[in-house]
Amino acid sequence: MPSSFVLVYHRSPFDEVIDAEGKRQWRDQKSPNGIIPTLRNLFRSQPSGTWIAWREEESAEAEDETLTVEAGAATASAIRLRRIPLRKEQIGSFYHVTSKESIWPVLHSFPSFFEVNNADWAIFQEVNRRFAEAACNEAAHGASIWIHDYNLWLTPGYIRALRPDVKISLFHHTPFPSSDVFSILPWREEILESLLCCDAVGFHIPRYAENFARAATSLLAVEKAPKTPVANHFLPCGSALAQPDATPWLEYRGRRIQLVSTPVGTSPDVILSLRNSETVQTLIQSIEEGTKRGRRLILSASRVDYTKGNQEMLLAYERLLEHRSDLHGEVVLVLACVAANTGMKVYEDTQRSIEETVGRINGRFSRIDWVPIRLTTQRISYEEMVAWFASADICWITPLRDGLNLVAKEYAAARKGKGGTLVLSEFTGASVVMKGAVLTNPYSHRRMDEAIEEALAMPADQQLTRMQSMVNAVEHLSVDNWADEQLRAIQPAVAAMPT
């Protein structure tokens, strides 16, 4: 049956597992704040919908698999899922090489990490074409098709060529770089031509939308609308990613493309409910009696990635311990830094550097009753992560570049009604909406040092005021708000997201 709504994302809505009897089961994801559970919830309000994803399949003769998935009571409705078979080498080339080694460093403004020699653009094109054909085969006449992220950049162009009747939107979950950095990509015109086949292109913040508009107008004959002031919830000036006004639409070859800026949000009510649950309260008590023991707890949570600024943060902490001997034994930094599992050398080198730096700092400053840094590279359950948020006096999130950073928002949601301080890089998308954070420049030793000192010295009443400002932002810019606003550009009568 043709679908009026088609969602295109490389990942499936549920995790597939094979049980002891060899039967296929679908496992619900535990985190309530990831993008996948949010996108999954959209199917509650859509009259008919299909999710397009991939599956690994070594047979060259394998065809698309279409099935209905239902994974327990957590899902209000079944999801029609169409999975495209890709061989392991196709996934490796498309995702781990072209997407991660060539496009990722450019998106995050790290051109020195750009690697094009191993990229196979023909495979990238073929995979995107497969996604587009699957979406077109599922879409009813006039359907809305919502595509997610940069690894499917070419999908809109292939869809438009096959189905001029449908509405198309693509959302970028990453930064969009300045036009000169974007132009490093040798496939830049083909990418832009495809994105300009959309009816709407979505971004976290106005700066990324404006970067896209500038790239399009500098490389193609695109007409720009007059700029309009950004929404009140965005910081208009005073920070690296602030933007006072932005281009609301572009026109190209007779098509008007809406540029929609809405930061992905979290689910603050779910986080607060978890914080107050018996399970998480028990975990909080364990942290208080174990790691904290009356000390100030500084938390940092990220992935092992050269964009995340873990090394810079650790060196700033080392400088703090060097000149603040009064803090020895009085503070502890917990770094939850999830290891990458791609086998890419750049991530292996990054993890090795983090581990060596932590070992050196602990070797310099540890006492028999105190270790200044606790590091884990293992995945932590969401319940435990909420417990750490609720326990942390300071959350130190200072990536060198980050599309948004949900950790910053989750920390604020978990601290509702309490104090606490968020030290946040001004190169994160979240920095232009989290107006109570202590913003800092992770490239500057002086700014990093000043920020952590300010956080440690902040009076309790100021902490409460700032935290309430951030909680208000998190509650206003929730994940439901994000989905509603992005879909409204291609579905004017879209129903409100179910809670």
Protein backbone atom coordinates (compact mmCIF):
# COMPACT_ATOMS: atom_id res chain seq x y z
CA MET A 1 0.00 0.00 0.00
CA PRO A 2 1.51 3.40 -0.96
CA SER A 3 2.54 5.62 1.97
CA SER A 4 1.70 9.29 2.44
CA PHE A 5 4.82 9.72 4.63
CA VAL A 6 8.22 8.16 3.95
CA LEU A 7 11.15 8.54 6.33
CA VAL A 8 14.62 7.84 4.92
CA TYR A 9 17.42 7.14 7.40
CA HIS A 10 20.25 4.63 7.14
CA ARG A 11 19.47 3.11 10.55
CA SER A 12 16.46 0.92 11.37
CA PRO A 13 13.81 1.96 13.95
CA PHE A 14 14.56 -1.11 16.08
CA ASP A 15 17.60 -3.29 16.67
CA GLU A 16 17.35 -6.69 15.02
CA VAL A 17 18.48 -9.66 17.14
CA ILE A 18 18.40 -13.40 16.54
CA ASP A 19 17.30 -15.37 19.60
CA ALA A 20 18.63 -18.75 20.77
CA GLU A 21 16.14 -20.56 18.54
CA GLY A 22 17.28 -18.65 15.45
CA LYS A 23 14.14 -16.50 15.30
CA ARG A 24 14.30 -12.81 14.51
CA GLN A 25 13.32 -10.42 17.28
CA TRP A 26 13.14 -6.62 17.34
CA ARG A 27 14.64 -4.89 20.36
CA ASP A 28 13.38 -1.51 21.54
CA GLN A 29 16.02 1.13 22.16
CA LYS A 30 16.33 2.12 25.80
CA SER A 31 17.25 5.80 25.41
CA PRO A 32 14.14 8.01 25.14
CA ASN A 33 16.14 10.93 23.74
CA GLY A 34 17.91 9.51 20.73
CA ILE A 35 16.82 10.55 17.28
CA ILE A 36 15.50 7.10 16.40
CA PRO A 37 12.82 6.86 19.15
CA THR A 38 11.71 10.37 18.21
CA LEU A 39 11.41 9.56 14.53
CA ARG A 40 9.65 6.33 15.42
CA ASN A 41 7.00 8.29 17.31
CA LEU A 42 6.09 10.16 14.13
CA PHE A 43 4.39 7.04 12.85
CA ARG A 44 1.74 7.37 15.55
CA SER A 45 0.32 10.48 13.91
CA GLN A 46 0.89 9.69 10.23
CA PRO A 47 -2.08 8.16 8.36
CA SER A 48 0.30 5.80 6.57
CA GLY A 49 4.06 5.66 6.67
CA THR A 50 7.16 3.72 5.68
CA TRP A 51 10.68 3.82 7.13
CA ILE A 52 13.55 3.19 4.65
CA ALA A 53 16.82 1.82 6.08
CA TRP A 54 19.63 -0.56 5.15
CA ARG A 55 20.53 -4.09 6.18
CA GLU A 56 23.79 -5.93 5.70
CA GLU A 57 23.40 -8.74 3.18
CA GLU A 58 26.24 -10.46 1.34
CA SER A 59 24.16 -11.94 -1.47
CA ALA A 60 24.40 -9.82 -4.63
CA GLU A 61 20.95 -11.11 -5.68
CA ALA A 62 19.18 -9.99 -2.47
CA GLU A 63 16.19 -7.71 -2.93
CA ASP A 64 14.62 -5.07 -0.71
CA GLU A 65 12.83 -6.51 2.29
CA THR A 66 9.49 -5.01 3.35
CA LEU A 67 7.92 -5.98 6.67
CA THR A 68 5.84 -4.68 9.55
CA VAL A 69 7.74 -4.23 12.80
CA GLU A 70 6.21 -4.06 16.26
CA ALA A 71 8.45 -4.19 19.34
CA GLY A 72 6.43 -4.39 22.50
CA ALA A 73 4.22 -2.01 24.42
CA ALA A 74 6.63 0.91 24.01
CA THR A 75 5.45 1.26 20.44
CA ALA A 76 1.97 2.68 19.97
CA SER A 77 1.72 1.48 16.38
CA ALA A 78 3.48 -0.89 14.04
CA ILE A 79 5.96 0.52 11.53
CA ARG A 80 6.21 -0.50 7.91
CA LEU A 81 9.93 -0.98 7.30
CA ARG A 82 11.66 -1.35 3.95
CA ARG A 83 15.29 -2.42 4.18
CA ILE A 84 17.80 -2.12 1.36
CA PRO A 85 20.39 -4.92 1.19
CA LEU A 86 23.98 -3.65 1.14
CA ARG A 87 27.12 -5.77 1.12
CA LYS A 88 29.73 -5.21 3.80
CA GLU A 89 32.15 -3.59 1.35
CA GLN A 90 29.42 -1.21 0.15
CA ILE A 91 28.68 -0.12 3.72
CA GLY A 92 32.38 0.30 4.43
CA SER A 93 32.95 2.44 1.34
CA PHE A 94 29.75 4.50 1.57
CA TYR A 95 29.63 5.08 5.31
CA HIS A 96 33.05 4.55 6.90
CA VAL A 97 35.23 5.86 4.07
CA THR A 98 33.41 8.45 1.94
CA SER A 99 31.07 9.72 4.68
CA LYS A 100 33.43 9.55 7.67
CA GLU A 101 36.87 10.10 6.13
CA SER A 102 35.99 12.58 3.36
CA ILE A 103 32.78 14.42 4.27
CA TRP A 104 32.79 14.38 8.11
CA PRO A 105 36.04 16.37 8.56
CA VAL A 106 34.88 19.01 6.06
CA LEU A 107 31.49 19.38 7.75
CA HIS A 108 33.25 19.93 11.09
CA SER A 109 35.81 22.37 9.59
CA PHE A 110 38.81 20.04 9.98
CA PRO A 111 40.15 20.13 6.42
CA SER A 112 43.50 18.71 7.50
CA PHE A 113 41.71 15.40 8.24
CA PHE A 114 40.07 15.35 4.80
CA GLU A 115 40.91 12.17 2.87
CA VAL A 116 39.69 11.69 -0.68
CA ASN A 117 42.01 9.05 -2.10
CA ASN A 118 40.10 6.10 -0.64
CA ALA A 119 36.65 7.48 -1.45
CA ASP A 120 34.60 5.71 -4.11
CA TRP A 121 32.04 8.28 -5.19
CA ALA A 122 30.37 5.83 -7.55
CA ILE A 123 29.43 3.59 -4.59
CA PHE A 124 28.18 6.64 -2.66
CA GLN A 125 26.01 7.54 -5.66
CA GLU A 126 24.74 3.98 -6.02
CA VAL A 127 23.74 3.66 -2.35
CA ASN A 128 21.95 7.01 -2.45
CA ARG A 129 20.18 5.93 -5.65
CA ARG A 130 19.04 2.73 -3.95
CA PHE A 131 17.55 4.71 -1.07
CA ALA A 132 15.82 7.06 -3.51
CA GLU A 133 14.31 4.23 -5.56
CA ALA A 134 13.01 2.52 -2.43
CA ALA A 135 11.44 5.79 -1.22
CA CYS A 136 9.80 6.39 -4.59
CA ASN A 137 8.42 2.85 -4.70
CA GLU A 138 6.78 3.37 -1.29
CA ALA A 139 5.51 6.94 -1.75
CA ALA A 140 1.91 7.68 -2.66
CA HIS A 141 1.14 10.53 -5.04
CA GLY A 142 1.99 13.83 -3.33
CA ALA A 143 3.63 12.07 -0.38
CA SER A 144 6.03 13.75 2.03
CA ILE A 145 9.56 12.27 2.12
CA TRP A 146 11.84 13.25 5.04
CA ILE A 147 15.51 12.35 4.56
CA HIS A 148 18.10 12.41 7.33
CA ASP A 149 21.73 13.47 7.30
CA TYR A 150 24.64 14.14 5.02
CA ASN A 151 25.33 10.55 3.96
CA LEU A 152 22.07 10.75 1.96
CA TRP A 153 22.88 14.08 0.33
CA LEU A 154 22.28 12.77 -3.20
CA THR A 155 18.97 11.06 -2.43
CA PRO A 156 16.78 14.18 -2.97
CA GLY A 157 18.08 14.66 -6.52
CA TYR A 158 17.39 11.07 -7.50
CA ILE A 159 13.91 11.23 -5.96
CA ARG A 160 13.02 14.47 -7.73
CA ALA A 161 14.03 13.00 -11.09
CA LEU A 162 11.73 10.03 -10.54
CA ARG A 163 8.87 11.67 -8.63
CA PRO A 164 8.26 15.38 -9.29
CA ASP A 165 4.94 15.09 -7.41
CA VAL A 166 6.33 14.46 -3.90
CA LYS A 167 7.43 16.87 -1.17
CA ILE A 168 11.05 16.40 -0.03
CA SER A 169 12.93 17.62 3.05
CA LEU A 170 16.41 16.77 4.33
CA PHE A 171 17.65 17.51 7.85
CA HIS A 172 21.34 17.97 8.67
CA HIS A 173 22.27 16.50 12.06
CA THR A 174 25.80 17.92 11.67
CA PRO A 175 27.17 21.43 11.23
CA PHE A 176 27.17 22.92 7.74
CA PRO A 177 30.54 24.63 7.23
CA SER A 178 31.39 27.98 5.71
CA SER A 179 31.23 28.07 1.91
CA ASP A 180 35.02 28.08 1.42
CA VAL A 181 35.44 24.96 3.59
CA PHE A 182 32.48 23.20 1.95
CA SER A 183 34.05 23.90 -1.43
CA ILE A 184 36.93 21.57 -0.56
CA LEU A 185 34.63 18.67 -1.46
CA PRO A 186 35.28 17.71 -5.11
CA TRP A 187 31.59 16.74 -5.48
CA ARG A 188 30.31 20.10 -4.21
CA GLU A 189 28.12 21.04 -7.20
CA GLU A 190 26.48 17.62 -7.37
CA ILE A 191 25.69 17.78 -3.66
CA LEU A 192 24.17 21.25 -3.91
CA GLU A 193 22.18 20.39 -7.04
CA SER A 194 20.63 17.49 -5.13
CA LEU A 195 19.84 19.51 -1.98
CA LEU A 196 18.22 22.20 -4.13
CA CYS A 197 15.78 19.58 -5.35
CA CYS A 198 14.23 19.65 -1.85
CA ASP A 199 11.20 21.67 -0.83
CA ALA A 200 12.89 22.29 2.53
CA VAL A 201 16.36 21.81 3.99
CA GLY A 202 16.66 21.71 7.78
CA PHE A 203 19.47 22.74 10.13
CA HIS A 204 19.95 23.01 13.89
CA ILE A 205 20.72 26.75 13.94
CA PRO A 206 20.56 29.78 11.62
CA ARG A 207 24.35 29.93 11.14
CA TYR A 208 24.37 26.53 9.44
CA ALA A 209 21.43 27.53 7.23
CA GLU A 210 23.22 30.74 6.26
CA ASN A 211 26.43 28.82 5.49
CA PHE A 212 24.43 26.60 3.16
CA ALA A 213 22.80 29.61 1.48
CA ARG A 214 26.21 31.19 0.89
CA ALA A 215 27.66 27.97 -0.52
CA ALA A 216 24.71 27.60 -2.89
CA THR A 217 24.87 31.18 -4.14
CA SER A 218 28.65 31.16 -4.57
CA LEU A 219 28.72 27.95 -6.61
CA LEU A 220 25.38 27.99 -8.48
CA ALA A 221 23.01 30.57 -9.98
CA VAL A 222 20.74 30.65 -6.94
CA GLU A 223 18.49 33.54 -5.88
CA LYS A 224 18.43 34.38 -2.17
CA ALA A 225 15.51 35.83 -0.25
CA PRO A 226 16.12 38.96 1.84
CA LYS A 227 17.36 38.03 5.29
CA THR A 228 14.98 38.05 8.24
CA PRO A 229 15.77 38.29 11.99
CA VAL A 230 16.32 34.97 13.72
CA ALA A 231 13.78 33.64 16.25
CA ASN A 232 14.01 35.01 19.81
CA HIS A 233 15.27 31.74 21.25
CA PHE A 234 18.50 32.02 19.24
CA LEU A 235 21.43 34.13 20.44
CA PRO A 236 21.76 36.91 17.81
CA CYS A 237 25.32 38.03 18.60
CA GLY A 238 28.25 37.74 20.99
CA SER A 239 29.34 34.17 20.27
CA ALA A 240 31.09 32.20 17.53
CA LEU A 241 27.91 30.68 16.04
CA ALA A 242 25.50 33.54 16.81
CA GLN A 243 23.61 34.89 13.81
CA PRO A 244 21.38 38.01 13.85
CA ASP A 245 19.52 37.24 10.64
CA ALA A 246 19.31 34.47 8.06
CA THR A 247 18.02 33.63 4.60
CA PRO A 248 14.54 32.06 4.82
CA TRP A 249 14.46 30.58 1.30
CA LEU A 250 16.37 30.09 -1.93
CA GLU A 251 15.08 29.83 -5.50
CA TYR A 252 16.70 27.61 -8.11
CA ARG A 253 15.38 26.53 -11.48
CA GLY A 254 11.86 27.58 -10.61
CA ARG A 255 11.80 25.82 -7.24
CA ARG A 256 11.62 27.59 -3.86
CA ILE A 257 13.55 25.82 -1.11
CA GLN A 258 12.68 26.69 2.50
CA LEU A 259 15.61 26.87 4.94
CA VAL A 260 14.33 25.78 8.37
CA SER A 261 16.42 26.21 11.53
CA THR A 262 15.25 24.17 14.53
CA PRO A 263 17.64 22.59 17.03
CA VAL A 264 16.99 18.95 17.86
CA GLY A 265 15.70 18.76 21.41
CA THR A 266 15.46 16.23 24.17
CA SER A 267 12.51 14.91 26.20
CA PRO A 268 12.77 16.86 29.48
CA ASP A 269 9.70 15.28 31.04
CA VAL A 270 11.09 11.79 30.45
CA ILE A 271 14.48 12.76 31.90
CA LEU A 272 12.87 14.28 34.98
CA SER A 273 10.74 11.17 35.47
CA LEU A 274 13.85 9.01 35.22
CA ARG A 275 15.74 11.23 37.66
CA ASN A 276 13.02 10.81 40.24
CA SER A 277 12.66 7.06 39.74
CA GLU A 278 13.77 4.63 42.42
CA THR A 279 16.38 3.05 40.14
CA VAL A 280 18.11 6.34 39.33
CA GLN A 281 17.87 7.61 42.90
CA THR A 282 19.71 4.47 44.00
CA LEU A 283 22.40 5.15 41.38
CA ILE A 284 22.69 8.77 42.56
CA GLN A 285 23.20 7.58 46.13
CA SER A 286 25.92 5.21 44.93
CA ILE A 287 27.71 8.07 43.13
CA GLU A 288 27.46 10.29 46.21
CA GLU A 289 28.95 7.62 48.45
CA GLY A 290 31.51 6.36 45.96
CA THR A 291 32.94 8.84 43.45
CA LYS A 292 31.95 12.12 45.12
CA ARG A 293 32.46 11.57 48.85
CA GLY A 294 31.80 15.25 49.48
CA ARG A 295 33.89 16.44 46.51
CA ARG A 296 32.83 18.69 43.61
CA LEU A 297 31.96 16.45 40.67
CA ILE A 298 32.79 17.65 37.16
CA LEU A 299 31.25 15.54 34.38
CA SER A 300 32.16 15.42 30.71
CA ALA A 301 30.43 13.05 28.29
CA SER A 302 31.21 12.60 24.61
CA ARG A 303 32.56 10.18 22.00
CA VAL A 304 36.10 9.36 21.00
CA ASP A 305 36.36 11.77 18.09
CA TYR A 306 38.90 14.43 17.16
CA THR A 307 36.06 16.98 16.93
CA LYS A 308 35.01 16.55 20.56
CA GLY A 309 37.86 18.47 22.22
CA ASN A 310 38.55 15.86 24.90
CA GLN A 311 42.30 16.45 24.79
CA GLU A 312 41.91 20.22 25.14
CA MET A 313 39.56 19.78 28.08
CA LEU A 314 41.94 17.39 29.84
CA LEU A 315 44.86 19.78 29.43
CA ALA A 316 42.77 22.62 30.87
CA TYR A 317 41.97 20.42 33.88
CA GLU A 318 45.68 19.69 34.28
CA ARG A 319 46.45 23.42 34.30
CA LEU A 320 43.75 23.89 36.93
CA LEU A 321 45.36 21.30 39.19
CA GLU A 322 48.79 22.83 38.62
CA HIS A 323 47.92 26.23 40.03
CA ARG A 324 45.07 25.29 42.40
CA SER A 325 46.59 22.92 44.95
CA ASP A 326 43.65 23.74 47.22
CA LEU A 327 41.46 21.71 44.83
CA HIS A 328 43.51 18.54 45.23
CA GLY A 329 41.26 15.96 46.81
CA GLU A 330 38.30 18.37 46.53
CA VAL A 331 37.30 17.87 42.88
CA VAL A 332 36.99 14.86 40.60
CA LEU A 333 36.53 14.81 36.82
CA VAL A 334 34.49 11.95 35.36
CA LEU A 335 35.05 11.57 31.63
CA ALA A 336 32.60 9.24 29.89
CA CYS A 337 34.09 9.01 26.42
CA VAL A 338 32.49 6.25 24.35
CA ALA A 339 34.97 4.47 22.08
CA ALA A 340 34.37 4.36 18.34
CA ASN A 341 33.87 0.91 16.84
CA THR A 342 34.74 1.65 13.22
CA GLY A 343 38.34 0.46 13.22
CA MET A 344 39.45 3.82 11.77
CA LYS A 345 43.03 4.72 12.64
CA VAL A 346 42.23 8.37 13.38
CA TYR A 347 39.82 7.32 16.14
CA GLU A 348 42.19 4.71 17.50
CA ASP A 349 44.91 7.38 17.71
CA THR A 350 42.49 9.79 19.39
CA GLN A 351 41.52 7.22 22.02
CA ARG A 352 45.15 6.36 22.70
CA SER A 353 45.97 10.04 23.19
CA ILE A 354 43.06 10.48 25.65
CA GLU A 355 44.06 7.42 27.67
CA GLU A 356 47.71 8.49 27.79
CA THR A 357 46.81 12.02 28.90
CA VAL A 358 44.50 10.75 31.65
CA GLY A 359 47.21 8.36 32.84
CA ARG A 360 49.82 11.09 32.95
CA ILE A 361 47.58 13.53 34.86
CA ASN A 362 46.55 10.86 37.35
CA GLY A 363 50.18 9.88 37.76
CA ARG A 364 51.14 13.47 38.53
CA PHE A 365 48.42 14.35 41.02
CA SER A 366 46.84 11.21 42.51
CA ARG A 367 46.96 10.58 46.23
CA ILE A 368 46.29 7.34 48.02
CA ASP A 369 42.72 8.48 48.75
CA TRP A 370 42.04 10.51 45.57
CA VAL A 371 42.31 10.04 41.81
CA PRO A 372 41.61 13.30 39.93
CA ILE A 373 40.16 11.72 36.75
CA ARG A 374 37.85 8.75 36.30
CA LEU A 375 37.72 7.65 32.64
CA THR A 376 35.46 5.15 30.93
CA THR A 377 35.22 4.40 27.21
CA GLN A 378 32.37 1.89 27.68
CA ARG A 379 28.76 2.64 26.87
CA ILE A 380 26.69 3.67 29.89
CA SER A 381 23.01 2.90 30.24
CA TYR A 382 20.73 5.90 29.94
CA GLU A 383 19.45 5.48 33.49
CA GLU A 384 23.02 5.64 34.80
CA MET A 385 23.79 8.64 32.59
CA VAL A 386 20.83 10.53 34.06
CA ALA A 387 22.17 9.70 37.53
CA TRP A 388 25.55 11.21 36.63
CA PHE A 389 23.83 14.34 35.23
CA ALA A 390 21.83 14.70 38.43
CA SER A 391 24.96 14.28 40.56
CA ALA A 392 27.33 16.55 38.62
CA ASP A 393 28.02 20.01 40.05
CA ILE A 394 29.55 21.05 36.73
CA CYS A 395 29.04 19.64 33.24
CA TRP A 396 32.05 20.45 31.03
CA ILE A 397 31.17 20.12 27.33
CA THR A 398 33.73 21.78 25.09
CA PRO A 399 33.92 20.22 21.61
CA LEU A 400 36.01 21.94 18.97
CA ARG A 401 32.95 21.65 16.73
CA ASP A 402 29.57 20.00 17.24
CA GLY A 403 26.35 20.19 15.25
CA LEU A 404 24.27 20.58 18.41
CA ASN A 405 25.26 18.52 21.49
CA LEU A 406 22.32 16.92 23.25
CA VAL A 407 24.37 16.17 26.38
CA ALA A 408 24.27 19.85 27.30
CA LYS A 409 20.47 19.84 27.07
CA GLU A 410 20.12 16.56 28.94
CA TYR A 411 22.24 17.91 31.79
CA ALA A 412 19.98 20.93 32.18
CA ALA A 413 16.84 18.76 32.08
CA ALA A 414 18.25 16.50 34.82
CA ARG A 415 19.10 19.52 37.03
CA LYS A 416 15.62 21.09 36.99
CA GLY A 417 14.97 22.77 40.34
CA LYS A 418 18.63 22.53 41.32
CA GLY A 419 21.84 24.44 40.79
CA GLY A 420 24.80 23.32 38.74
CA THR A 421 26.86 24.92 36.00
CA LEU A 422 27.21 24.10 32.32
CA VAL A 423 30.55 25.01 30.71
CA LEU A 424 29.86 24.90 26.99
CA SER A 425 31.92 25.43 23.86
CA GLU A 426 30.72 28.30 21.73
CA PHE A 427 31.36 26.06 18.69
CA THR A 428 28.38 23.82 19.52
CA GLY A 429 24.97 24.46 18.05
CA ALA A 430 23.53 24.30 21.57
CA SER A 431 25.52 27.39 22.55
CA VAL A 432 23.10 29.73 20.77
CA VAL A 433 20.06 28.46 22.72
CA MET A 434 21.54 27.57 26.16
CA LYS A 435 21.79 31.17 27.32
CA GLY A 436 22.59 30.32 30.94
CA ALA A 437 25.75 28.39 30.10
CA VAL A 438 29.29 29.61 30.69
CA LEU A 439 30.46 29.82 27.09
CA THR A 440 34.10 29.27 26.27
CA ASN A 441 36.52 28.96 23.37
CA PRO A 442 38.18 25.50 23.49
CA TYR A 443 40.98 26.71 21.20
CA SER A 444 42.09 29.26 23.81
CA HIS A 445 43.93 28.17 26.97
CA ARG A 446 43.04 31.42 28.71
CA ARG A 447 39.32 31.20 27.91
CA MET A 448 39.14 27.55 28.98
CA ASP A 449 40.96 28.29 32.23
CA GLU A 450 38.70 31.25 32.99
CA ALA A 451 35.55 29.25 32.26
CA ILE A 452 36.26 26.37 34.64
CA GLU A 453 37.37 28.82 37.36
CA GLU A 454 34.12 30.76 36.89
CA ALA A 455 32.10 27.56 37.13
CA LEU A 456 33.83 26.48 40.34
CA ALA A 457 33.33 29.90 41.93
CA MET A 458 29.74 30.55 40.84
CA PRO A 459 27.41 31.37 43.78
CA ALA A 460 24.44 29.10 44.40
CA ASP A 461 21.81 31.75 43.60
CA GLN A 462 23.43 32.50 40.24
CA GLN A 463 23.59 28.79 39.47
CA LEU A 464 19.85 28.47 40.08
CA THR A 465 19.02 31.48 37.89
CA ARG A 466 21.17 30.31 35.01
CA MET A 467 19.97 26.73 35.26
CA GLN A 468 16.33 27.79 35.20
CA SER A 469 17.02 29.77 32.01
CA MET A 470 18.49 26.65 30.40
CA VAL A 471 15.66 24.44 31.63
CA ASN A 472 13.17 26.85 30.05
CA ALA A 473 15.05 26.62 26.74
CA VAL A 474 15.14 22.82 26.88
CA GLU A 475 11.43 22.61 27.62
CA HIS A 476 10.53 25.06 24.86
CA LEU A 477 12.84 23.53 22.24
CA SER A 478 11.93 19.91 22.91
CA VAL A 479 12.37 17.07 20.48
CA ASP A 480 8.65 17.24 19.70
CA ASN A 481 8.99 20.91 18.78
CA TRP A 482 11.86 20.03 16.43
CA ALA A 483 9.88 17.37 14.56
CA ASP A 484 6.77 19.55 14.34
CA GLU A 485 8.60 22.57 12.96
CA GLN A 486 10.70 20.63 10.46
CA LEU A 487 7.73 18.69 9.09
CA ARG A 488 5.55 21.78 8.88
CA ALA A 489 7.69 22.96 5.96
CA ILE A 490 6.49 20.03 3.84
CA GLN A 491 3.29 19.11 5.71
CA PRO A 492 1.49 22.38 6.55
CA ALA A 493 -1.28 20.57 8.42
CA VAL A 494 0.98 18.15 10.29
CA ALA A 495 -0.54 16.93 13.53
CA ALA A 496 1.14 17.67 16.85
CA MET A 497 3.67 15.07 17.99
CA PRO A 498 2.17 12.58 20.42
CA THR A 499 3.50 12.61 23.93
